[in-house]
Amino acid sequence: MTERMKPLALTGFTATSCLGLGLDATLAALRARHTGLAPCAFESVVLDTYVGEVPGVDHSPLPVEFTDYECRNNRLAHLGLAQDGFAASVRHCAARVGAERVGVFLGTSTSGILETELAYRGRDAASGALPTEFRYRGAHNTFSLAAFVREALQLTGPAVVISSACSSSAKVFASAQRALAAGLIDAAVVGGVDSLCLTTLYGFHSLQLVSRLPCRPFDAARDGISIGEAAAFALLERPDAVDATLLLLGTGESSDAYHMSAPHPQGRGAGAAMLQALESAGLTSADIDYINFHGTATPSNDESEARAVAAVLGSETPGSSTKGATGHTLGAAGALEAVICALALRHDFMPAGVNTAAVDPALKVNYLRDNLPGRVTHVMSNSFGFGGSNCSLIFGKRGRGS
């Protein structure tokens, strides 16, 4: 039996993706059922596919004091931190509890690997040495994301980066919750940042997982993912210390280790994570009003998730994958979709699954192709990664059964 967790308040959150910079742009695009996916024109890539590129990243260098962290991934992080007054919210929190009592828990899959890719092009022809200006520690190193964000926000508490593929920035919510429960910190900046790079675009293409068209989650003709990029953050605090409406109520994690890149056909690990999230939130399947599917638009992922959802929640709970709008933002997907769930709660609004023309009748779920307004009290967000690294999160509203 999973122990019921104490809820945590979301006292600030923000998201930047191909849908736009910040919450207003994100919500407007979701309401309008727009997609941010466009034909790939990233760097030197010559693949026939669509991507979700954030405009302006390449023209937004870091301030001079952060030169050691200069890379596209940290540029995207910096751009994301500047939206929706998020940095100010963190500063106010740190002033109240102490900068050393605010932890940083972030997810990414490739960090600043693009810097290494570009450096490899410029290696010395004779020795193979990388250019002297290349900075592995501040750019490519996975921890550079947390080191940069902690410094940019002037925090001195513990910092962690989780890199568990596409569940990375969902799992940070669970990690931060455990640190808060243990009394190690009093607040946490959680989130994820992943940026476009050659490794993921060509890597997923080599696995034959990339669609030529904008991805179509849960569609009968779905044939692969569209890769995107994003920076999404949230500030978690104990609800007895702040006045906040939105809450993190439950987390569930599992590792089924069925296959390196394919999910368990029956969704065994996915179902286990969902059940654990329900138990930790003290909720039943009937309490969930909306589910944000992991929904990558690959045939095997959507099929296994649909089986897990049907087994745990039944076939009536409304849900959608927002990856048709944002693309699959990999290590940032969990945080981005957590923010979308927070918007759903705040505005009593369930977003449609963009690009999906005909839901696969073999997938026994209630998949939304149109926006659905209505009372939203509890939402579940699923994030499943390579190797069977699974995470489900449950968010809710204070005063509505929470």
Protein backbone atom coordinates (compact mmCIF):
# COMPACT_ATOMS: atom_id res chain seq x y z
CA MET A 1 0.00 0.00 0.00
CA THR A 2 1.36 3.39 -1.03
CA GLU A 3 1.41 5.97 1.75
CA ARG A 4 -0.75 9.01 1.08
CA MET A 5 1.41 12.05 0.40
CA LYS A 6 0.85 15.50 1.84
CA PRO A 7 -0.27 17.85 -0.95
CA LEU A 8 2.04 20.56 -2.22
CA ALA A 9 1.01 23.94 -3.56
CA LEU A 10 1.92 25.18 -7.03
CA THR A 11 2.62 28.81 -6.23
CA GLY A 12 3.97 29.67 -9.65
CA PHE A 13 4.39 27.99 -13.01
CA THR A 14 5.27 28.83 -16.59
CA ALA A 15 5.79 27.16 -19.96
CA THR A 16 7.59 28.12 -23.15
CA SER A 17 7.29 25.94 -26.25
CA CYS A 18 6.55 26.20 -29.94
CA LEU A 19 3.06 27.35 -28.90
CA GLY A 20 4.62 30.57 -27.59
CA LEU A 21 6.31 32.20 -24.65
CA GLY A 22 4.44 31.94 -21.37
CA LEU A 23 1.02 30.89 -20.15
CA ASP A 24 -1.18 33.30 -22.11
CA ALA A 25 0.26 32.20 -25.44
CA THR A 26 0.06 28.55 -24.44
CA LEU A 27 -3.56 28.77 -23.31
CA ALA A 28 -4.61 30.77 -26.38
CA ALA A 29 -3.06 28.20 -28.72
CA LEU A 30 -4.71 25.31 -26.89
CA ARG A 31 -8.10 27.02 -26.94
CA ALA A 32 -7.72 27.72 -30.66
CA ARG A 33 -6.55 24.13 -31.28
CA HIS A 34 -3.42 25.41 -32.95
CA THR A 35 -0.25 23.42 -33.45
CA GLY A 36 3.21 24.89 -33.21
CA LEU A 37 4.69 22.19 -35.41
CA ALA A 38 6.30 23.28 -38.68
CA PRO A 39 8.53 21.73 -41.35
CA CYS A 40 12.00 21.15 -39.93
CA ALA A 41 14.45 23.93 -40.74
CA PHE A 42 16.66 23.43 -37.70
CA GLU A 43 20.40 23.89 -38.08
CA SER A 44 21.74 21.57 -40.84
CA VAL A 45 19.06 18.89 -40.49
CA VAL A 46 17.83 17.48 -43.81
CA LEU A 47 15.04 15.23 -42.54
CA ASP A 48 11.54 15.34 -44.00
CA THR A 49 9.69 15.90 -40.75
CA TYR A 50 7.96 18.49 -38.58
CA VAL A 51 9.40 19.93 -35.37
CA GLY A 52 8.26 22.20 -32.57
CA GLU A 53 10.96 24.88 -32.50
CA VAL A 54 10.78 27.80 -30.05
CA PRO A 55 11.32 31.04 -31.96
CA GLY A 56 14.10 33.38 -30.89
CA VAL A 57 16.27 30.96 -28.92
CA ASP A 58 19.22 31.27 -31.29
CA HIS A 59 19.09 35.05 -30.99
CA SER A 60 18.87 35.20 -27.19
CA PRO A 61 22.41 34.79 -25.81
CA LEU A 62 22.83 34.47 -22.07
CA PRO A 63 23.85 37.56 -20.09
CA VAL A 64 27.60 37.99 -19.93
CA GLU A 65 27.81 36.81 -16.32
CA PHE A 66 26.61 33.37 -17.46
CA THR A 67 29.07 32.91 -20.31
CA ASP A 68 30.32 29.66 -18.82
CA TYR A 69 26.84 28.19 -19.29
CA GLU A 70 26.35 29.36 -22.86
CA CYS A 71 24.48 26.76 -24.92
CA ARG A 72 21.14 26.53 -26.66
CA ASN A 73 19.56 24.51 -23.86
CA ASN A 74 20.44 27.07 -21.20
CA ARG A 75 19.32 29.86 -23.51
CA LEU A 76 15.93 28.19 -23.67
CA ALA A 77 15.93 27.81 -19.88
CA HIS A 78 16.73 31.51 -19.47
CA LEU A 79 13.93 32.44 -21.86
CA GLY A 80 11.51 30.27 -19.96
CA LEU A 81 12.46 31.64 -16.54
CA ALA A 82 11.70 35.15 -17.77
CA GLN A 83 8.00 34.42 -18.40
CA ASP A 84 4.94 34.90 -16.18
CA GLY A 85 6.86 36.51 -13.32
CA PHE A 86 8.23 33.11 -12.40
CA ALA A 87 11.70 34.29 -11.38
CA ALA A 88 10.14 36.95 -9.16
CA SER A 89 7.96 34.33 -7.48
CA VAL A 90 11.04 32.27 -6.71
CA ARG A 91 12.87 35.30 -5.32
CA HIS A 92 9.95 36.12 -3.03
CA CYS A 93 9.87 32.53 -1.82
CA ALA A 94 13.63 32.50 -1.19
CA ALA A 95 13.37 35.74 0.76
CA ARG A 96 10.77 34.11 2.99
CA VAL A 97 12.35 30.67 3.59
CA GLY A 98 16.01 31.29 2.72
CA ALA A 99 17.84 30.71 -0.56
CA GLU A 100 19.51 27.64 0.92
CA ARG A 101 16.08 26.08 1.61
CA VAL A 102 14.87 26.17 -2.00
CA GLY A 103 15.86 23.11 -4.00
CA VAL A 104 16.18 22.82 -7.78
CA PHE A 105 14.94 19.61 -9.44
CA LEU A 106 15.04 19.61 -13.23
CA GLY A 107 14.77 17.10 -16.03
CA THR A 108 16.47 16.95 -19.41
CA SER A 109 17.41 14.25 -21.85
CA THR A 110 20.27 15.79 -23.83
CA SER A 111 21.07 19.06 -22.03
CA GLY A 112 23.46 21.10 -24.21
CA ILE A 113 24.69 18.27 -26.42
CA LEU A 114 24.29 20.52 -29.46
CA GLU A 115 27.41 22.37 -28.30
CA THR A 116 29.36 19.11 -28.48
CA GLU A 117 27.93 18.32 -31.90
CA LEU A 118 29.04 21.71 -33.20
CA ALA A 119 32.43 21.40 -31.48
CA TYR A 120 32.97 18.03 -33.14
CA ARG A 121 32.60 19.70 -36.52
CA GLY A 122 35.33 22.15 -35.58
CA ARG A 123 37.80 19.61 -34.19
CA ASP A 124 41.46 19.86 -35.19
CA ALA A 125 42.04 18.00 -38.45
CA ALA A 126 45.35 16.52 -37.30
CA SER A 127 44.83 15.73 -33.62
CA GLY A 128 41.04 15.50 -33.45
CA ALA A 129 41.08 17.87 -30.47
CA LEU A 130 37.90 19.83 -29.84
CA PRO A 131 38.06 23.65 -30.05
CA THR A 132 39.60 25.29 -26.99
CA GLU A 133 36.47 27.40 -26.42
CA PHE A 134 34.31 24.29 -25.99
CA ARG A 135 32.98 24.06 -22.41
CA TYR A 136 31.71 20.59 -21.52
CA ARG A 137 30.99 21.42 -17.89
CA GLY A 138 28.80 24.44 -18.55
CA ALA A 139 27.12 23.19 -21.70
CA HIS A 140 26.94 19.49 -22.51
CA ASN A 141 27.17 18.22 -18.92
CA THR A 142 23.67 17.18 -17.85
CA PHE A 143 23.98 19.00 -14.52
CA SER A 144 24.75 22.30 -16.27
CA LEU A 145 21.00 22.92 -16.51
CA ALA A 146 20.47 22.84 -12.74
CA ALA A 147 23.72 24.68 -12.07
CA PHE A 148 22.67 27.47 -14.42
CA VAL A 149 19.09 27.74 -13.13
CA ARG A 150 20.23 27.73 -9.49
CA GLU A 151 22.72 30.51 -10.21
CA ALA A 152 20.29 32.50 -12.36
CA LEU A 153 17.69 32.38 -9.56
CA GLN A 154 20.32 33.06 -6.86
CA LEU A 155 19.50 29.90 -4.96
CA THR A 156 21.92 27.88 -2.83
CA GLY A 157 19.86 24.81 -1.92
CA PRO A 158 20.36 21.28 -3.22
CA ALA A 159 20.13 20.80 -6.98
CA VAL A 160 19.40 17.66 -8.97
CA VAL A 161 19.01 16.79 -12.65
CA ILE A 162 17.08 13.68 -13.62
CA SER A 163 17.69 12.22 -17.05
CA SER A 164 15.34 9.28 -17.52
CA ALA A 165 14.35 10.00 -21.11
CA CYS A 166 10.77 11.22 -21.58
CA SER A 167 9.75 10.84 -17.92
CA SER A 168 12.59 13.09 -16.69
CA SER A 169 10.69 16.26 -15.82
CA ALA A 170 7.69 14.40 -14.42
CA LYS A 171 9.89 12.46 -12.01
CA VAL A 172 11.35 15.70 -10.62
CA PHE A 173 7.97 16.42 -9.00
CA ALA A 174 8.23 13.14 -7.09
CA SER A 175 11.85 13.76 -6.14
CA ALA A 176 11.08 17.25 -4.88
CA GLN A 177 8.10 15.94 -2.93
CA ARG A 178 10.32 13.43 -1.13
CA ALA A 179 12.88 16.12 -0.29
CA LEU A 180 10.15 18.36 1.13
CA ALA A 181 8.66 15.48 3.12
CA ALA A 182 12.09 14.69 4.56
CA GLY A 183 12.54 18.30 5.69
CA LEU A 184 15.61 18.85 3.52
CA ILE A 185 14.05 21.90 1.87
CA ASP A 186 11.05 24.18 2.28
CA ALA A 187 10.33 24.82 -1.40
CA ALA A 188 11.41 23.51 -4.77
CA VAL A 189 11.81 24.77 -8.30
CA VAL A 190 10.85 21.85 -10.52
CA GLY A 191 10.69 21.58 -14.28
CA GLY A 192 12.42 20.53 -17.42
CA VAL A 193 14.27 21.91 -20.41
CA ASP A 194 15.12 20.11 -23.62
CA SER A 195 16.18 21.75 -26.86
CA LEU A 196 16.43 20.58 -30.44
CA CYS A 197 19.71 18.96 -31.39
CA LEU A 198 21.10 16.68 -34.05
CA THR A 199 21.34 13.66 -31.75
CA THR A 200 17.61 13.39 -31.07
CA LEU A 201 16.43 14.30 -34.55
CA TYR A 202 18.68 11.85 -36.34
CA GLY A 203 18.55 9.33 -33.50
CA PHE A 204 14.76 8.99 -33.48
CA HIS A 205 14.80 8.97 -37.26
CA SER A 206 17.23 6.03 -37.21
CA LEU A 207 14.78 4.19 -34.95
CA GLN A 208 12.06 4.84 -37.55
CA LEU A 209 9.99 6.67 -34.95
CA VAL A 210 9.72 10.07 -36.64
CA SER A 211 6.67 10.99 -38.71
CA ARG A 212 6.88 12.95 -41.97
CA LEU A 213 3.67 14.73 -40.95
CA PRO A 214 2.71 16.59 -37.76
CA CYS A 215 2.23 13.82 -35.22
CA ARG A 216 -1.27 12.37 -34.74
CA PRO A 217 -1.61 10.84 -31.26
CA PHE A 218 -4.16 8.02 -30.93
CA ASP A 219 -5.08 8.34 -34.60
CA ALA A 220 -5.77 5.21 -36.60
CA ALA A 221 -3.09 6.36 -39.06
CA ARG A 222 -0.52 7.49 -36.48
CA ASP A 223 3.03 6.74 -37.63
CA GLY A 224 5.51 8.45 -35.34
CA ILE A 225 6.53 11.42 -33.26
CA SER A 226 7.27 15.06 -33.99
CA ILE A 227 10.14 16.30 -31.86
CA GLY A 228 9.75 19.59 -30.04
CA GLU A 229 11.54 21.67 -27.43
CA ALA A 230 10.37 23.44 -24.29
CA ALA A 231 11.22 25.01 -20.97
CA ALA A 232 8.64 24.58 -18.21
CA PHE A 233 8.92 25.32 -14.50
CA ALA A 234 6.84 25.22 -11.35
CA LEU A 235 7.39 26.32 -7.76
CA LEU A 236 6.28 23.83 -5.10
CA GLU A 237 5.66 24.86 -1.49
CA ARG A 238 3.84 23.46 1.51
CA PRO A 239 0.21 24.60 1.32
CA ASP A 240 0.07 25.56 4.99
CA ALA A 241 2.72 28.22 4.31
CA VAL A 242 1.09 29.91 1.32
CA ASP A 243 -2.26 30.78 -0.19
CA ALA A 244 -2.47 28.74 -3.39
CA THR A 245 -5.32 27.12 -5.28
CA LEU A 246 -3.56 24.45 -7.28
CA LEU A 247 -1.99 21.40 -5.66
CA LEU A 248 0.23 18.46 -6.48
CA LEU A 249 -1.75 15.64 -4.89
CA GLY A 250 -0.08 12.41 -5.95
CA THR A 251 2.90 10.88 -7.70
CA GLY A 252 3.52 7.39 -9.02
CA GLU A 253 6.69 5.88 -10.46
CA SER A 254 7.58 2.50 -11.88
CA SER A 255 10.29 0.85 -13.95
CA ASP A 256 9.11 -2.14 -15.93
CA ALA A 257 12.38 -2.53 -17.90
CA TYR A 258 10.49 -4.46 -20.56
CA HIS A 259 12.59 -3.21 -23.49
CA MET A 260 15.16 -0.51 -24.19
CA SER A 261 12.85 1.51 -26.44
CA ALA A 262 9.44 -0.22 -26.56
CA PRO A 263 6.78 -0.06 -23.82
CA HIS A 264 5.31 -3.15 -22.24
CA PRO A 265 2.54 -4.26 -24.67
CA GLN A 266 -0.08 -4.40 -21.91
CA GLY A 267 1.08 -1.18 -20.27
CA ARG A 268 2.18 -2.99 -17.11
CA GLY A 269 4.58 -0.31 -15.88
CA ALA A 270 2.33 2.54 -16.97
CA GLY A 271 -0.58 1.05 -15.06
CA ALA A 272 1.54 0.55 -11.96
CA ALA A 273 2.58 4.23 -11.97
CA MET A 274 -1.02 5.37 -12.40
CA LEU A 275 -2.26 3.17 -9.56
CA GLN A 276 0.50 4.41 -7.27
CA ALA A 277 -0.37 8.04 -8.09
CA LEU A 278 -4.02 7.42 -7.22
CA GLU A 279 -3.09 5.75 -3.93
CA SER A 280 -0.68 8.49 -2.92
CA ALA A 281 -3.36 11.10 -3.66
CA GLY A 282 -6.01 9.15 -1.76
CA LEU A 283 -8.24 9.15 -4.84
CA THR A 284 -10.10 6.61 -6.93
CA SER A 285 -10.31 6.34 -10.70
CA ALA A 286 -13.74 8.01 -10.59
CA ASP A 287 -12.15 11.18 -9.17
CA ILE A 288 -10.06 11.92 -12.28
CA ASP A 289 -11.79 14.42 -14.56
CA TYR A 290 -9.15 14.65 -17.30
CA ILE A 291 -6.01 12.78 -18.25
CA ASN A 292 -3.13 14.18 -20.26
CA PHE A 293 -1.90 11.12 -22.10
CA HIS A 294 1.78 10.57 -22.77
CA GLY A 295 0.48 9.95 -26.30
CA THR A 296 3.58 10.09 -28.50
CA ALA A 297 1.73 8.99 -31.68
CA THR A 298 3.81 5.88 -32.21
CA PRO A 299 1.70 2.76 -32.78
CA SER A 300 3.09 0.80 -29.82
CA ASN A 301 3.16 3.65 -27.26
CA ASP A 302 -0.42 4.74 -27.76
CA GLU A 303 -1.68 1.16 -27.78
CA SER A 304 0.06 0.19 -24.54
CA GLU A 305 -0.98 3.42 -22.81
CA ALA A 306 -4.59 2.99 -23.89
CA ARG A 307 -4.60 -0.49 -22.37
CA ALA A 308 -3.13 0.81 -19.11
CA VAL A 309 -5.59 3.70 -18.91
CA ALA A 310 -8.58 1.47 -19.65
CA ALA A 311 -7.45 -0.97 -16.95
CA VAL A 312 -6.87 1.69 -14.28
CA LEU A 313 -9.33 4.51 -15.07
CA GLY A 314 -11.80 2.80 -17.38
CA SER A 315 -12.80 3.94 -20.85
CA GLU A 316 -14.88 7.02 -20.02
CA THR A 317 -12.41 9.49 -18.50
CA PRO A 318 -11.84 12.31 -21.02
CA GLY A 319 -8.25 12.70 -22.14
CA SER A 320 -5.95 13.95 -24.85
CA SER A 321 -2.32 14.13 -25.82
CA THR A 322 -1.14 17.70 -26.30
CA LYS A 323 1.92 16.54 -28.25
CA GLY A 324 0.03 17.20 -31.47
CA ALA A 325 0.27 20.86 -30.51
CA THR A 326 3.71 21.01 -28.89
CA GLY A 327 5.54 18.03 -30.35
CA HIS A 328 7.27 15.56 -28.08
CA THR A 329 9.59 17.71 -25.99
CA LEU A 330 11.34 14.64 -24.56
CA GLY A 331 12.96 15.47 -21.21
CA ALA A 332 10.79 18.59 -20.88
CA ALA A 333 7.51 16.85 -21.73
CA GLY A 334 6.52 15.94 -18.18
CA ALA A 335 6.89 19.50 -16.89
CA LEU A 336 5.28 21.07 -19.96
CA GLU A 337 2.27 18.81 -19.69
CA ALA A 338 2.06 19.35 -15.93
CA VAL A 339 1.75 23.07 -16.64
CA ILE A 340 -0.93 22.35 -19.26
CA CYS A 341 -2.78 20.33 -16.60
CA ALA A 342 -2.51 23.29 -14.23
CA LEU A 343 -4.06 25.49 -16.92
CA ALA A 344 -6.85 22.94 -17.36
CA LEU A 345 -7.58 23.13 -13.63
CA ARG A 346 -7.34 26.90 -13.47
CA HIS A 347 -9.67 27.49 -16.41
CA ASP A 348 -11.97 24.43 -16.17
CA PHE A 349 -10.92 23.49 -19.67
CA MET A 350 -9.90 20.17 -21.23
CA PRO A 351 -7.81 20.67 -24.37
CA ALA A 352 -8.42 18.71 -27.53
CA GLY A 353 -5.87 16.46 -29.14
CA VAL A 354 -4.66 18.45 -32.14
CA ASN A 355 -4.06 16.76 -35.54
CA THR A 356 -5.95 13.59 -34.65
CA ALA A 357 -8.50 13.05 -37.43
CA ALA A 358 -9.88 9.60 -36.64
CA VAL A 359 -9.29 7.97 -33.26
CA ASP A 360 -8.10 4.40 -33.54
CA PRO A 361 -11.17 2.28 -32.61
CA ALA A 362 -8.87 -0.33 -31.10
CA LEU A 363 -7.84 2.15 -28.39
CA LYS A 364 -10.60 1.98 -25.79
CA VAL A 365 -10.27 5.46 -24.31
CA ASN A 366 -12.36 8.64 -24.38
CA TYR A 367 -10.07 10.71 -26.58
CA LEU A 368 -11.00 14.38 -26.99
CA ARG A 369 -10.88 15.77 -30.53
CA ASP A 370 -12.70 18.93 -29.46
CA ASN A 371 -12.08 21.17 -26.47
CA LEU A 372 -14.31 20.29 -23.55
CA PRO A 373 -15.29 22.97 -21.02
CA GLY A 374 -16.49 21.79 -17.65
CA ARG A 375 -15.69 21.44 -14.00
CA VAL A 376 -12.15 20.11 -13.63
CA THR A 377 -11.13 19.10 -10.11
CA HIS A 378 -8.50 16.39 -10.52
CA VAL A 379 -6.24 15.71 -13.49
CA MET A 380 -3.65 13.04 -14.21
CA SER A 381 -0.57 13.52 -16.36
CA ASN A 382 1.33 10.53 -17.75
CA SER A 383 5.00 10.48 -18.80
CA PHE A 384 6.69 7.30 -19.94
CA GLY A 385 10.32 6.98 -21.00
CA PHE A 386 12.64 4.58 -22.76
CA GLY A 387 13.59 1.55 -20.72
CA GLY A 388 10.21 1.52 -18.98
CA SER A 389 10.80 4.57 -16.77
CA ASN A 390 7.23 5.64 -15.96
CA CYS A 391 5.72 8.48 -13.96
CA SER A 392 2.16 9.65 -13.33
CA LEU A 393 1.25 12.87 -11.55
CA ILE A 394 -2.09 14.01 -10.12
CA PHE A 395 -2.97 17.67 -9.65
CA GLY A 396 -6.09 19.20 -8.10
CA LYS A 397 -7.76 22.29 -6.72
CA ARG A 398 -7.79 23.26 -3.08
CA GLY A 399 -11.26 22.93 -1.61
CA ARG A 400 -12.53 20.47 -4.22
CA GLY A 401 -12.04 17.19 -2.43
CA SER A 402 -8.34 17.86 -1.88
